[in-house]
PDB file of N, CA and C in Angstrom:
ATOM      1  N   UNK A   1      27.186 -27.595 -18.142  1.00  0.00           N
ATOM      2  CA  UNK A   1      27.871 -27.063 -16.992  1.00  0.00           C
ATOM      3  C   UNK A   1      26.884 -26.565 -15.939  1.00  0.00           C
ATOM      4  N   UNK A   2      25.863 -25.842 -16.354  1.00  0.00           N
ATOM      5  CA  UNK A   2      24.883 -25.299 -15.416  1.00  0.00           C
ATOM      6  C   UNK A   2      24.080 -26.416 -14.764  1.00  0.00           C
ATOM      7  N   UNK A   3      23.716 -27.431 -15.539  1.00  0.00           N
ATOM      8  CA  UNK A   3      22.952 -28.540 -14.990  1.00  0.00           C
ATOM      9  C   UNK A   3      23.768 -29.282 -13.937  1.00  0.00           C
ATOM     10  N   UNK A   4      25.039 -29.427 -14.150  1.00  0.00           N
ATOM     11  CA  UNK A   4      25.917 -30.097 -13.204  1.00  0.00           C
ATOM     12  C   UNK A   4      25.968 -29.319 -11.881  1.00  0.00           C
ATOM     13  N   UNK A   5      26.004 -27.997 -11.963  1.00  0.00           N
ATOM     14  CA  UNK A   5      26.035 -27.163 -10.760  1.00  0.00           C
ATOM     15  C   UNK A   5      24.720 -27.254  -9.998  1.00  0.00           C
ATOM     16  N   UNK A   6      23.598 -27.327 -10.715  1.00  0.00           N
ATOM     17  CA  UNK A   6      22.286 -27.450 -10.072  1.00  0.00           C
ATOM     18  C   UNK A   6      22.173 -28.783  -9.351  1.00  0.00           C
ATOM     19  N   UNK A   7      22.615 -29.852 -10.002  1.00  0.00           N
ATOM     20  CA  UNK A   7      22.582 -31.177  -9.376  1.00  0.00           C
ATOM     21  C   UNK A   7      23.458 -31.183  -8.125  1.00  0.00           C
ATOM     22  N   UNK A   8      24.629 -30.582  -8.215  1.00  0.00           N
ATOM     23  CA  UNK A   8      25.526 -30.526  -7.058  1.00  0.00           C
ATOM     24  C   UNK A   8      24.899 -29.715  -5.927  1.00  0.00           C
ATOM     25  N   UNK A   9      24.214 -28.637  -6.266  1.00  0.00           N
ATOM     26  CA  UNK A   9      23.537 -27.811  -5.269  1.00  0.00           C
ATOM     27  C   UNK A   9      22.466 -28.608  -4.534  1.00  0.00           C
ATOM     28  N   UNK A  10      21.649 -29.352  -5.281  1.00  0.00           N
ATOM     29  CA  UNK A  10      20.590 -30.155  -4.681  1.00  0.00           C
ATOM     30  C   UNK A  10      21.192 -31.239  -3.788  1.00  0.00           C
ATOM     31  N   UNK A  11      22.237 -31.902  -4.248  1.00  0.00           N
ATOM     32  CA  UNK A  11      22.891 -32.927  -3.434  1.00  0.00           C
ATOM     33  C   UNK A  11      23.471 -32.337  -2.156  1.00  0.00           C
ATOM     34  N   UNK A  12      24.112 -31.188  -2.264  1.00  0.00           N
ATOM     35  CA  UNK A  12      24.657 -30.522  -1.080  1.00  0.00           C
ATOM     36  C   UNK A  12      23.554 -30.099  -0.112  1.00  0.00           C
ATOM     37  N   UNK A  13      22.422 -29.665  -0.662  1.00  0.00           N
ATOM     38  CA  UNK A  13      21.307 -29.259   0.187  1.00  0.00           C
ATOM     39  C   UNK A  13      20.794 -30.435   1.008  1.00  0.00           C
ATOM     40  N   UNK A  14      20.622 -31.583   0.359  1.00  0.00           N
ATOM     41  CA  UNK A  14      20.168 -32.768   1.097  1.00  0.00           C
ATOM     42  C   UNK A  14      21.213 -33.220   2.106  1.00  0.00           C
ATOM     43  N   UNK A  15      22.478 -33.079   1.781  1.00  0.00           N
ATOM     44  CA  UNK A  15      23.547 -33.437   2.706  1.00  0.00           C
ATOM     45  C   UNK A  15      23.482 -32.545   3.955  1.00  0.00           C
ATOM     46  N   UNK A  16      23.251 -31.247   3.761  1.00  0.00           N
ATOM     47  CA  UNK A  16      23.153 -30.318   4.888  1.00  0.00           C
ATOM     48  C   UNK A  16      21.905 -30.588   5.726  1.00  0.00           C
ATOM     49  N   UNK A  17      20.817 -30.986   5.091  1.00  0.00           N
ATOM     50  CA  UNK A  17      19.596 -31.307   5.847  1.00  0.00           C
ATOM     51  C   UNK A  17      19.824 -32.480   6.795  1.00  0.00           C
ATOM     52  N   UNK A  18      20.736 -33.368   6.442  1.00  0.00           N
ATOM     53  CA  UNK A  18      21.056 -34.482   7.329  1.00  0.00           C
ATOM     54  C   UNK A  18      21.777 -34.040   8.589  1.00  0.00           C
ATOM     55  N   UNK A  19      22.377 -32.856   8.569  1.00  0.00           N
ATOM     56  CA  UNK A  19      23.092 -32.330   9.723  1.00  0.00           C
ATOM     57  C   UNK A  19      22.194 -31.545  10.682  1.00  0.00           C
ATOM     58  N   UNK A  20      20.977 -31.254  10.249  1.00  0.00           N
ATOM     59  CA  UNK A  20      20.067 -30.438  11.050  1.00  0.00           C
ATOM     60  C   UNK A  20      19.624 -31.210  12.286  1.00  0.00           C
ATOM     61  N   UNK A  21      19.627 -30.523  13.425  1.00  0.00           N
ATOM     62  CA  UNK A  21      19.115 -31.119  14.663  1.00  0.00           C
ATOM     63  C   UNK A  21      17.668 -30.663  14.793  1.00  0.00           C
ATOM     64  N   UNK A  22      16.750 -31.569  14.508  1.00  0.00           N
ATOM     65  CA  UNK A  22      15.333 -31.237  14.540  1.00  0.00           C
ATOM     66  C   UNK A  22      14.837 -31.243  15.982  1.00  0.00           C
ATOM     67  N   UNK A  23      13.914 -30.340  16.329  1.00  0.00           N
ATOM     68  CA  UNK A  23      13.397 -30.313  17.700  1.00  0.00           C
ATOM     69  C   UNK A  23      12.499 -31.511  17.974  1.00  0.00           C
ATOM     70  N   UNK A  24      12.417 -31.852  19.260  1.00  0.00           N
ATOM     71  CA  UNK A  24      11.504 -32.933  19.646  1.00  0.00           C
ATOM     72  C   UNK A  24      10.069 -32.419  19.545  1.00  0.00           C
ATOM     73  N   UNK A  25       9.129 -33.327  19.645  1.00  0.00           N
ATOM     74  CA  UNK A  25       7.722 -32.952  19.544  1.00  0.00           C
ATOM     75  C   UNK A  25       7.349 -31.980  20.664  1.00  0.00           C
ATOM     76  N   UNK A  26       7.774 -32.274  21.893  1.00  0.00           N
ATOM     77  CA  UNK A  26       7.445 -31.389  23.019  1.00  0.00           C
ATOM     78  C   UNK A  26       8.068 -30.010  22.850  1.00  0.00           C
ATOM     79  N   UNK A  27       9.303 -29.955  22.377  1.00  0.00           N
ATOM     80  CA  UNK A  27       9.973 -28.675  22.167  1.00  0.00           C
ATOM     81  C   UNK A  27       9.249 -27.871  21.082  1.00  0.00           C
ATOM     82  N   UNK A  28       8.835 -28.544  20.013  1.00  0.00           N
ATOM     83  CA  UNK A  28       8.123 -27.866  18.931  1.00  0.00           C
ATOM     84  C   UNK A  28       6.782 -27.318  19.423  1.00  0.00           C
ATOM     85  N   UNK A  29       6.088 -28.092  20.257  1.00  0.00           N
ATOM     86  CA  UNK A  29       4.811 -27.633  20.808  1.00  0.00           C
ATOM     87  C   UNK A  29       5.040 -26.431  21.714  1.00  0.00           C
ATOM     88  N   UNK A  30       6.080 -26.481  22.551  1.00  0.00           N
ATOM     89  CA  UNK A  30       6.375 -25.354  23.437  1.00  0.00           C
ATOM     90  C   UNK A  30       6.692 -24.090  22.651  1.00  0.00           C
ATOM     91  N   UNK A  31       7.472 -24.230  21.603  1.00  0.00           N
ATOM     92  CA  UNK A  31       7.804 -23.072  20.775  1.00  0.00           C
ATOM     93  C   UNK A  31       6.551 -22.521  20.097  1.00  0.00           C
ATOM     94  N   UNK A  32       5.691 -23.418  19.626  1.00  0.00           N
ATOM     95  CA  UNK A  32       4.453 -23.000  18.962  1.00  0.00           C
ATOM     96  C   UNK A  32       3.551 -22.239  19.930  1.00  0.00           C
ATOM     97  N   UNK A  33       3.418 -22.740  21.144  1.00  0.00           N
ATOM     98  CA  UNK A  33       2.597 -22.068  22.155  1.00  0.00           C
ATOM     99  C   UNK A  33       3.187 -20.696  22.473  1.00  0.00           C
ATOM    100  N   UNK A  34       4.501 -20.618  22.579  1.00  0.00           N
ATOM    101  CA  UNK A  34       5.164 -19.348  22.856  1.00  0.00           C
ATOM    102  C   UNK A  34       4.907 -18.338  21.740  1.00  0.00           C
ATOM    103  N   UNK A  35       5.017 -18.780  20.507  1.00  0.00           N
ATOM    104  CA  UNK A  35       4.801 -17.879  19.362  1.00  0.00           C
ATOM    105  C   UNK A  35       3.351 -17.407  19.306  1.00  0.00           C
ATOM    106  N   UNK A  36       2.408 -18.325  19.490  1.00  0.00           N
ATOM    107  CA  UNK A  36       0.994 -17.949  19.448  1.00  0.00           C
ATOM    108  C   UNK A  36       0.671 -16.977  20.581  1.00  0.00           C
ATOM    109  N   UNK A  37       1.219 -17.228  21.768  1.00  0.00           N
ATOM    110  CA  UNK A  37       0.994 -16.330  22.906  1.00  0.00           C
ATOM    111  C   UNK A  37       1.546 -14.941  22.611  1.00  0.00           C
ATOM    112  N   UNK A  38       2.748 -14.882  22.078  1.00  0.00           N
ATOM    113  CA  UNK A  38       3.355 -13.590  21.759  1.00  0.00           C
ATOM    114  C   UNK A  38       2.538 -12.845  20.708  1.00  0.00           C
ATOM    115  N   UNK A  39       2.050 -13.552  19.710  1.00  0.00           N
ATOM    116  CA  UNK A  39       1.253 -12.917  18.658  1.00  0.00           C
ATOM    117  C   UNK A  39      -0.049 -12.371  19.237  1.00  0.00           C
ATOM    118  N   UNK A  40      -0.703 -13.143  20.111  1.00  0.00           N
ATOM    119  CA  UNK A  40      -1.956 -12.676  20.716  1.00  0.00           C
ATOM    120  C   UNK A  40      -1.722 -11.461  21.607  1.00  0.00           C
ATOM    121  N   UNK A  41      -0.666 -11.506  22.423  1.00  0.00           N
ATOM    122  CA  UNK A  41      -0.360 -10.363  23.290  1.00  0.00           C
ATOM    123  C   UNK A  41      -0.058  -9.136  22.443  1.00  0.00           C
ATOM    124  N   UNK A  42       0.702  -9.304  21.374  1.00  0.00           N
ATOM    125  CA  UNK A  42       1.019  -8.183  20.491  1.00  0.00           C
ATOM    126  C   UNK A  42      -0.233  -7.634  19.820  1.00  0.00           C
ATOM    127  N   UNK A  43      -1.124  -8.530  19.400  1.00  0.00           N
ATOM    128  CA  UNK A  43      -2.358  -8.095  18.742  1.00  0.00           C
ATOM    129  C   UNK A  43      -3.230  -7.298  19.707  1.00  0.00           C
ATOM    130  N   UNK A  44      -3.340  -7.767  20.958  1.00  0.00           N
ATOM    131  CA  UNK A  44      -4.130  -7.025  21.936  1.00  0.00           C
ATOM    132  C   UNK A  44      -3.485  -5.677  22.257  1.00  0.00           C
ATOM    133  N   UNK A  45      -2.165  -5.619  22.315  1.00  0.00           N
ATOM    134  CA  UNK A  45      -1.481  -4.354  22.574  1.00  0.00           C
ATOM    135  C   UNK A  45      -1.732  -3.362  21.438  1.00  0.00           C
ATOM    136  N   UNK A  46      -1.624  -3.812  20.206  1.00  0.00           N
ATOM    137  CA  UNK A  46      -1.865  -2.935  19.058  1.00  0.00           C
ATOM    138  C   UNK A  46      -3.333  -2.503  19.026  1.00  0.00           C
ATOM    139  N   UNK A  47      -4.243  -3.429  19.329  1.00  0.00           N
ATOM    140  CA  UNK A  47      -5.667  -3.079  19.355  1.00  0.00           C
ATOM    141  C   UNK A  47      -5.944  -2.050  20.448  1.00  0.00           C
ATOM    142  N   UNK A  48      -5.308  -2.204  21.600  1.00  0.00           N
ATOM    143  CA  UNK A  48      -5.498  -1.243  22.686  1.00  0.00           C
ATOM    144  C   UNK A  48      -4.981   0.136  22.320  1.00  0.00           C
ATOM    145  N   UNK A  49      -3.812   0.192  21.709  1.00  0.00           N
ATOM    146  CA  UNK A  49      -3.256   1.476  21.284  1.00  0.00           C
ATOM    147  C   UNK A  49      -4.145   2.104  20.213  1.00  0.00           C
ATOM    148  N   UNK A  50      -4.644   1.287  19.298  1.00  0.00           N
ATOM    149  CA  UNK A  50      -5.541   1.780  18.257  1.00  0.00           C
ATOM    150  C   UNK A  50      -6.813   2.344  18.878  1.00  0.00           C
ATOM    151  N   UNK A  51      -7.342   1.644  19.887  1.00  0.00           N
ATOM    152  CA  UNK A  51      -8.551   2.128  20.563  1.00  0.00           C
ATOM    153  C   UNK A  51      -8.287   3.476  21.236  1.00  0.00           C
ATOM    154  N   UNK A  52      -7.138   3.604  21.905  1.00  0.00           N
ATOM    155  CA  UNK A  52      -6.810   4.864  22.572  1.00  0.00           C
ATOM    156  C   UNK A  52      -6.661   6.007  21.566  1.00  0.00           C
ATOM    157  N   UNK A  53      -6.002   5.755  20.448  1.00  0.00           N
ATOM    158  CA  UNK A  53      -5.878   6.793  19.431  1.00  0.00           C
ATOM    159  C   UNK A  53      -7.242   7.157  18.846  1.00  0.00           C
ATOM    160  N   UNK A  54      -8.092   6.168  18.633  1.00  0.00           N
ATOM    161  CA  UNK A  54      -9.428   6.435  18.105  1.00  0.00           C
ATOM    162  C   UNK A  54     -10.231   7.271  19.097  1.00  0.00           C
ATOM    163  N   UNK A  55     -10.171   6.904  20.373  1.00  0.00           N
ATOM    164  CA  UNK A  55     -10.905   7.652  21.397  1.00  0.00           C
ATOM    165  C   UNK A  55     -10.367   9.082  21.492  1.00  0.00           C
ATOM    166  N   UNK A  56      -9.066   9.233  21.438  1.00  0.00           N
ATOM    167  CA  UNK A  56      -8.480  10.577  21.484  1.00  0.00           C
ATOM    168  C   UNK A  56      -8.873  11.411  20.288  1.00  0.00           C
ATOM    169  N   UNK A  57      -8.871  10.799  19.120  1.00  0.00           N
ATOM    170  CA  UNK A  57      -9.259  11.516  17.901  1.00  0.00           C
ATOM    171  C   UNK A  57     -10.728  11.915  17.972  1.00  0.00           C
ATOM    172  N   UNK A  58     -11.581  11.008  18.434  1.00  0.00           N
ATOM    173  CA  UNK A  58     -13.012  11.324  18.566  1.00  0.00           C
ATOM    174  C   UNK A  58     -13.211  12.460  19.558  1.00  0.00           C
ATOM    175  N   UNK A  59     -12.449  12.454  20.643  1.00  0.00           N
ATOM    176  CA  UNK A  59     -12.551  13.541  21.629  1.00  0.00           C
ATOM    177  C   UNK A  59     -12.128  14.867  21.027  1.00  0.00           C
ATOM    178  N   UNK A  60     -11.051  14.859  20.253  1.00  0.00           N
ATOM    179  CA  UNK A  60     -10.605  16.086  19.606  1.00  0.00           C
ATOM    180  C   UNK A  60     -11.646  16.604  18.605  1.00  0.00           C
ATOM    181  N   UNK A  61     -12.318  15.694  17.915  1.00  0.00           N
ATOM    182  CA  UNK A  61     -13.362  16.114  16.983  1.00  0.00           C
ATOM    183  C   UNK A  61     -14.524  16.759  17.711  1.00  0.00           C
ATOM    184  N   UNK A  62     -14.888  16.217  18.878  1.00  0.00           N
ATOM    185  CA  UNK A  62     -15.998  16.830  19.632  1.00  0.00           C
ATOM    186  C   UNK A  62     -15.593  18.198  20.162  1.00  0.00           C
ATOM    187  N   UNK A  63     -14.315  18.349  20.533  1.00  0.00           N
ATOM    188  CA  UNK A  63     -13.849  19.668  20.973  1.00  0.00           C
ATOM    189  C   UNK A  63     -13.877  20.663  19.824  1.00  0.00           C
ATOM    190  N   UNK A  64     -13.553  20.214  18.635  1.00  0.00           N
ATOM    191  CA  UNK A  64     -13.516  21.112  17.473  1.00  0.00           C
ATOM    192  C   UNK A  64     -14.914  21.541  17.068  1.00  0.00           C
ATOM    193  N   UNK A  65     -15.917  20.724  17.324  1.00  0.00           N
ATOM    194  CA  UNK A  65     -17.292  21.059  16.923  1.00  0.00           C
ATOM    195  C   UNK A  65     -17.906  22.070  17.885  1.00  0.00           C
ATOM    196  N   UNK A  66     -17.416  22.102  19.120  1.00  0.00           N
ATOM    197  CA  UNK A  66     -18.013  23.021  20.103  1.00  0.00           C
ATOM    198  C   UNK A  66     -17.460  24.390  20.005  1.00  0.00           C
TER     199      UNK A  66
END
């Protein structure tokens, strides 16, 4: 019984994959460029915030030593 359900699941999965509308090559490239750009912008934003927090913390440490 379980094997029959697994086989049916696999068959249904392949049937559903036939219904998928795959993107064209140009659309896939555009999406990839968009994702990479967003990741780079996010990484630079996080790095900038990290730098500001580090600079602020270092400044507070110098104030505490004086």
